[in-house]
Amino acid sequence: MARWIDVSISTHQLRLFDLNRLIKTYPIAVGKILSSTPTGTYTIINKQSDPGGPFGVLWMGLSKPHYGIHGTNNPSSIGKNVSHGCIRMFNHDVLELSSSVPIGTQVFIHK
């Protein structure tokens, strides 16, 4: 798969790559100390529009159960360690990212 996602917990950045070429960098929110974002390599296994609750306009589920990349109804949280482990994005950013990556895209999460 040519496109892949790099998530840096420490810099609050999600970067979209096509092979070795950086396409775009997005600001994100990540997990709190007690519910930290899990590190490792996962894949996007599903997408759901308008998931309801705090998940904003879109949910992209990861191969680690109960974790995903999603929008937010609290845009002031972006850039902070506030989630229950998921990766939060601005709603317009998660829509753009979702349209750029298919299900099966690899997501590499690191500190």
N, C-alpha and C. Protein backbone atom coordinates (compact mmCIF):
# COMPACT_ATOMS: atom_id res chain seq x y z
N MET A 1 0.84 -1.18 0.00
CA MET A 1 0.00 0.00 0.00
C MET A 1 0.89 1.25 0.00
N ALA A 2 0.62 2.15 -0.90
CA ALA A 2 1.50 3.30 -1.07
C ALA A 2 1.30 4.33 0.03
N ARG A 3 0.07 4.60 0.40
CA ARG A 3 -0.19 5.63 1.41
C ARG A 3 -0.17 5.04 2.81
N TRP A 4 0.38 5.80 3.74
CA TRP A 4 0.42 5.37 5.13
C TRP A 4 0.41 6.60 6.03
N ILE A 5 0.08 6.37 7.29
CA ILE A 5 -0.09 7.45 8.26
C ILE A 5 0.91 7.29 9.38
N ASP A 6 1.57 8.39 9.73
CA ASP A 6 2.51 8.43 10.86
C ASP A 6 1.91 9.34 11.93
N VAL A 7 1.75 8.81 13.15
CA VAL A 7 1.19 9.58 14.25
C VAL A 7 2.27 9.75 15.32
N SER A 8 2.61 11.00 15.60
CA SER A 8 3.56 11.31 16.67
C SER A 8 2.78 11.81 17.88
N ILE A 9 2.80 11.01 18.95
CA ILE A 9 2.10 11.39 20.18
C ILE A 9 2.75 12.62 20.80
N SER A 10 4.08 12.67 20.81
CA SER A 10 4.77 13.77 21.50
C SER A 10 4.63 15.11 20.80
N THR A 11 4.52 15.12 19.47
CA THR A 11 4.39 16.40 18.76
C THR A 11 2.94 16.72 18.37
N HIS A 12 2.00 15.82 18.71
CA HIS A 12 0.59 16.02 18.36
C HIS A 12 0.42 16.25 16.87
N GLN A 13 1.06 15.39 16.07
CA GLN A 13 0.97 15.51 14.62
C GLN A 13 0.64 14.18 13.97
N LEU A 14 -0.23 14.24 12.99
CA LEU A 14 -0.51 13.11 12.12
C LEU A 14 -0.02 13.50 10.74
N ARG A 15 0.84 12.66 10.18
CA ARG A 15 1.40 12.96 8.85
C ARG A 15 0.98 11.89 7.86
N LEU A 16 0.50 12.33 6.72
CA LEU A 16 0.10 11.42 5.65
C LEU A 16 1.22 11.35 4.62
N PHE A 17 1.65 10.13 4.32
CA PHE A 17 2.72 9.90 3.35
C PHE A 17 2.20 9.10 2.17
N ASP A 18 2.83 9.33 1.02
CA ASP A 18 2.68 8.48 -0.15
C ASP A 18 4.07 7.93 -0.42
N LEU A 19 4.27 6.65 -0.12
CA LEU A 19 5.62 6.05 -0.08
C LEU A 19 6.49 6.89 0.85
N ASN A 20 7.53 7.56 0.34
CA ASN A 20 8.40 8.37 1.21
C ASN A 20 8.08 9.85 1.15
N ARG A 21 7.06 10.23 0.39
CA ARG A 21 6.75 11.65 0.19
C ARG A 21 5.68 12.11 1.17
N LEU A 22 6.00 13.15 1.94
CA LEU A 22 5.03 13.73 2.87
C LEU A 22 3.98 14.49 2.08
N ILE A 23 2.72 14.14 2.27
CA ILE A 23 1.62 14.83 1.58
C ILE A 23 1.08 15.96 2.44
N LYS A 24 0.81 15.69 3.72
CA LYS A 24 0.22 16.71 4.57
C LYS A 24 0.44 16.36 6.03
N THR A 25 0.54 17.41 6.85
CA THR A 25 0.65 17.26 8.30
C THR A 25 -0.58 17.88 8.95
N TYR A 26 -1.18 17.15 9.88
CA TYR A 26 -2.38 17.61 10.58
C TYR A 26 -2.13 17.70 12.09
N PRO A 27 -2.69 18.70 12.76
CA PRO A 27 -2.63 18.75 14.23
C PRO A 27 -3.65 17.76 14.81
N ILE A 28 -3.30 17.12 15.91
CA ILE A 28 -4.19 16.14 16.53
C ILE A 28 -4.21 16.29 18.04
N ALA A 29 -5.16 15.66 18.66
CA ALA A 29 -5.17 15.44 20.11
C ALA A 29 -4.97 13.95 20.33
N VAL A 30 -4.34 13.60 21.45
CA VAL A 30 -4.06 12.20 21.76
C VAL A 30 -4.53 11.89 23.18
N GLY A 31 -4.27 10.66 23.60
CA GLY A 31 -4.74 10.19 24.89
C GLY A 31 -4.09 10.86 26.09
N LYS A 32 -4.86 10.86 27.19
CA LYS A 32 -4.35 11.34 28.48
C LYS A 32 -3.38 10.32 29.05
N ILE A 33 -2.69 10.71 30.12
CA ILE A 33 -1.73 9.80 30.76
C ILE A 33 -2.40 8.48 31.15
N LEU A 34 -3.57 8.56 31.74
CA LEU A 34 -4.23 7.35 32.22
C LEU A 34 -4.94 6.57 31.12
N SER A 35 -5.09 7.16 29.97
CA SER A 35 -5.72 6.47 28.83
C SER A 35 -4.92 6.83 27.58
N SER A 36 -3.66 6.45 27.61
CA SER A 36 -2.75 6.90 26.56
C SER A 36 -3.06 6.24 25.21
N THR A 37 -2.66 6.93 24.16
CA THR A 37 -2.79 6.39 22.81
C THR A 37 -1.81 5.24 22.66
N PRO A 38 -2.27 4.08 22.19
CA PRO A 38 -1.38 2.92 22.09
C PRO A 38 -0.38 3.09 20.94
N THR A 39 0.88 2.73 21.22
CA THR A 39 1.88 2.76 20.15
C THR A 39 1.87 1.42 19.42
N GLY A 40 2.34 1.47 18.18
CA GLY A 40 2.40 0.26 17.38
C GLY A 40 1.95 0.54 15.96
N THR A 41 1.84 -0.52 15.18
CA THR A 41 1.40 -0.41 13.79
C THR A 41 0.04 -1.07 13.66
N TYR A 42 -0.92 -0.31 13.16
CA TYR A 42 -2.29 -0.78 13.02
C TYR A 42 -2.76 -0.49 11.60
N THR A 43 -3.97 -0.92 11.28
CA THR A 43 -4.56 -0.58 9.99
C THR A 43 -5.95 0.00 10.22
N ILE A 44 -6.39 0.82 9.26
CA ILE A 44 -7.75 1.33 9.28
C ILE A 44 -8.66 0.20 8.80
N ILE A 45 -9.63 -0.18 9.64
CA ILE A 45 -10.48 -1.33 9.30
C ILE A 45 -11.91 -0.93 8.93
N ASN A 46 -12.33 0.30 9.27
CA ASN A 46 -13.67 0.73 8.89
C ASN A 46 -13.76 2.25 8.95
N LYS A 47 -14.81 2.76 8.34
CA LYS A 47 -15.09 4.20 8.37
C LYS A 47 -16.59 4.37 8.61
N GLN A 48 -16.92 5.34 9.44
CA GLN A 48 -18.34 5.60 9.71
C GLN A 48 -18.57 7.10 9.74
N SER A 49 -19.49 7.57 8.89
CA SER A 49 -19.87 8.98 8.90
C SER A 49 -20.88 9.23 10.01
N ASP A 50 -20.82 10.42 10.59
CA ASP A 50 -21.76 10.83 11.65
C ASP A 50 -21.93 9.77 12.72
N PRO A 51 -20.83 9.38 13.40
CA PRO A 51 -20.93 8.31 14.40
C PRO A 51 -21.66 8.73 15.68
N GLY A 52 -21.89 10.02 15.87
CA GLY A 52 -22.58 10.48 17.07
C GLY A 52 -21.62 10.66 18.23
N GLY A 53 -22.15 11.18 19.31
CA GLY A 53 -21.33 11.38 20.50
C GLY A 53 -20.21 12.37 20.24
N PRO A 54 -19.07 12.16 20.91
CA PRO A 54 -17.96 13.11 20.82
C PRO A 54 -17.06 12.90 19.60
N PHE A 55 -17.46 12.05 18.66
CA PHE A 55 -16.57 11.62 17.59
C PHE A 55 -16.63 12.50 16.34
N GLY A 56 -17.30 13.64 16.42
CA GLY A 56 -17.32 14.55 15.29
C GLY A 56 -18.05 13.98 14.09
N VAL A 57 -17.57 14.32 12.91
CA VAL A 57 -18.27 13.98 11.67
C VAL A 57 -17.90 12.62 11.10
N LEU A 58 -16.80 12.01 11.61
CA LEU A 58 -16.33 10.77 10.99
C LEU A 58 -15.49 9.97 11.97
N TRP A 59 -15.62 8.66 11.89
CA TRP A 59 -14.82 7.72 12.68
C TRP A 59 -14.11 6.79 11.71
N MET A 60 -12.80 6.60 11.90
CA MET A 60 -12.04 5.58 11.18
C MET A 60 -11.47 4.64 12.23
N GLY A 61 -12.02 3.43 12.27
CA GLY A 61 -11.61 2.46 13.27
C GLY A 61 -10.27 1.84 12.94
N LEU A 62 -9.47 1.61 13.99
CA LEU A 62 -8.17 0.95 13.82
C LEU A 62 -8.28 -0.53 14.16
N SER A 63 -7.26 -1.30 13.74
CA SER A 63 -7.25 -2.73 13.99
C SER A 63 -7.06 -3.04 15.48
N LYS A 64 -6.74 -2.05 16.30
CA LYS A 64 -6.76 -2.23 17.75
C LYS A 64 -8.17 -1.89 18.21
N PRO A 65 -8.91 -2.86 18.76
CA PRO A 65 -10.31 -2.63 19.10
C PRO A 65 -10.50 -1.41 20.01
N HIS A 66 -11.56 -0.67 19.75
CA HIS A 66 -11.98 0.51 20.52
C HIS A 66 -11.12 1.74 20.29
N TYR A 67 -10.19 1.70 19.34
CA TYR A 67 -9.36 2.87 19.05
C TYR A 67 -9.58 3.30 17.61
N GLY A 68 -9.47 4.61 17.40
CA GLY A 68 -9.66 5.10 16.05
C GLY A 68 -9.14 6.51 15.87
N ILE A 69 -9.28 6.98 14.65
CA ILE A 69 -8.98 8.36 14.27
C ILE A 69 -10.35 8.98 13.98
N HIS A 70 -10.66 10.09 14.65
CA HIS A 70 -12.00 10.65 14.48
C HIS A 70 -11.99 12.16 14.61
N GLY A 71 -13.10 12.76 14.21
CA GLY A 71 -13.29 14.19 14.38
C GLY A 71 -13.60 14.50 15.84
N THR A 72 -13.97 15.73 16.11
CA THR A 72 -14.29 16.12 17.48
C THR A 72 -15.36 17.19 17.50
N ASN A 73 -16.16 17.17 18.56
CA ASN A 73 -17.11 18.26 18.77
C ASN A 73 -16.52 19.29 19.74
N ASN A 74 -15.21 19.15 20.02
CA ASN A 74 -14.50 20.07 20.93
C ASN A 74 -13.18 20.48 20.28
N PRO A 75 -13.24 21.37 19.27
CA PRO A 75 -12.01 21.71 18.53
C PRO A 75 -10.90 22.31 19.39
N SER A 76 -11.23 22.88 20.54
CA SER A 76 -10.18 23.45 21.40
C SER A 76 -9.30 22.37 22.02
N SER A 77 -9.71 21.10 21.89
CA SER A 77 -8.90 20.01 22.47
C SER A 77 -7.72 19.62 21.57
N ILE A 78 -7.74 20.03 20.31
CA ILE A 78 -6.67 19.64 19.39
C ILE A 78 -5.35 20.23 19.88
N GLY A 79 -4.30 19.38 19.84
CA GLY A 79 -2.99 19.80 20.32
C GLY A 79 -2.73 19.41 21.77
N LYS A 80 -3.68 18.73 22.39
CA LYS A 80 -3.56 18.39 23.81
C LYS A 80 -3.65 16.88 24.02
N ASN A 81 -3.33 16.47 25.23
CA ASN A 81 -3.46 15.07 25.65
C ASN A 81 -4.76 14.95 26.44
N VAL A 82 -5.86 14.69 25.75
CA VAL A 82 -7.17 14.77 26.38
C VAL A 82 -8.09 13.58 26.09
N SER A 83 -7.77 12.76 25.10
CA SER A 83 -8.72 11.73 24.69
C SER A 83 -8.57 10.48 25.56
N HIS A 84 -9.41 9.49 25.28
CA HIS A 84 -9.34 8.21 25.98
C HIS A 84 -8.43 7.25 25.20
N GLY A 85 -7.55 7.79 24.38
CA GLY A 85 -6.61 6.97 23.63
C GLY A 85 -6.74 7.10 22.13
N CYS A 86 -7.88 7.63 21.69
CA CYS A 86 -8.07 7.82 20.26
C CYS A 86 -7.29 9.03 19.76
N ILE A 87 -7.24 9.14 18.45
CA ILE A 87 -6.59 10.27 17.79
C ILE A 87 -7.69 11.19 17.29
N ARG A 88 -7.75 12.39 17.84
CA ARG A 88 -8.77 13.37 17.47
C ARG A 88 -8.21 14.34 16.45
N MET A 89 -9.06 14.71 15.50
CA MET A 89 -8.69 15.69 14.48
C MET A 89 -9.80 16.72 14.34
N PHE A 90 -9.47 17.89 13.80
CA PHE A 90 -10.52 18.82 13.41
C PHE A 90 -11.44 18.11 12.41
N ASN A 91 -12.74 18.41 12.46
CA ASN A 91 -13.69 17.73 11.58
C ASN A 91 -13.32 17.87 10.10
N HIS A 92 -12.94 19.08 9.67
CA HIS A 92 -12.60 19.25 8.25
C HIS A 92 -11.35 18.46 7.89
N ASP A 93 -10.42 18.30 8.84
CA ASP A 93 -9.20 17.54 8.57
C ASP A 93 -9.49 16.04 8.46
N VAL A 94 -10.33 15.51 9.36
CA VAL A 94 -10.59 14.07 9.31
C VAL A 94 -11.36 13.71 8.04
N LEU A 95 -12.22 14.61 7.57
CA LEU A 95 -12.91 14.35 6.30
C LEU A 95 -11.93 14.33 5.13
N GLU A 96 -11.00 15.28 5.13
CA GLU A 96 -10.00 15.32 4.06
C GLU A 96 -9.11 14.08 4.10
N LEU A 97 -8.66 13.71 5.31
CA LEU A 97 -7.80 12.53 5.44
C LEU A 97 -8.54 11.27 4.99
N SER A 98 -9.78 11.12 5.43
CA SER A 98 -10.54 9.93 5.07
C SER A 98 -10.70 9.78 3.57
N SER A 99 -10.88 10.90 2.87
CA SER A 99 -11.04 10.82 1.42
C SER A 99 -9.72 10.49 0.72
N SER A 100 -8.60 10.60 1.46
CA SER A 100 -7.28 10.36 0.88
C SER A 100 -6.74 8.96 1.15
N VAL A 101 -7.36 8.23 2.09
CA VAL A 101 -6.83 6.92 2.46
C VAL A 101 -7.93 5.86 2.42
N PRO A 102 -7.62 4.70 1.84
CA PRO A 102 -8.61 3.62 1.82
C PRO A 102 -8.56 2.79 3.11
N ILE A 103 -9.60 1.99 3.32
CA ILE A 103 -9.54 0.98 4.37
C ILE A 103 -8.36 0.07 4.06
N GLY A 104 -7.63 -0.32 5.09
CA GLY A 104 -6.41 -1.11 4.91
C GLY A 104 -5.14 -0.28 5.03
N THR A 105 -5.28 1.06 5.10
CA THR A 105 -4.11 1.93 5.24
C THR A 105 -3.40 1.66 6.56
N GLN A 106 -2.08 1.57 6.52
CA GLN A 106 -1.30 1.37 7.74
C GLN A 106 -1.15 2.65 8.52
N VAL A 107 -1.23 2.54 9.85
CA VAL A 107 -1.10 3.66 10.78
C VAL A 107 -0.01 3.31 11.78
N PHE A 108 1.08 4.07 11.76
CA PHE A 108 2.22 3.84 12.64
C PHE A 108 2.18 4.89 13.75
N ILE A 109 1.96 4.44 14.98
CA ILE A 109 1.83 5.35 16.13
C ILE A 109 3.05 5.18 17.03
N HIS A 110 3.67 6.33 17.35
CA HIS A 110 4.87 6.30 18.19
C HIS A 110 4.88 7.51 19.10
N LYS A 111 5.77 7.46 20.10
CA LYS A 111 5.86 8.56 21.08
C LYS A 111 6.33 9.85 20.44
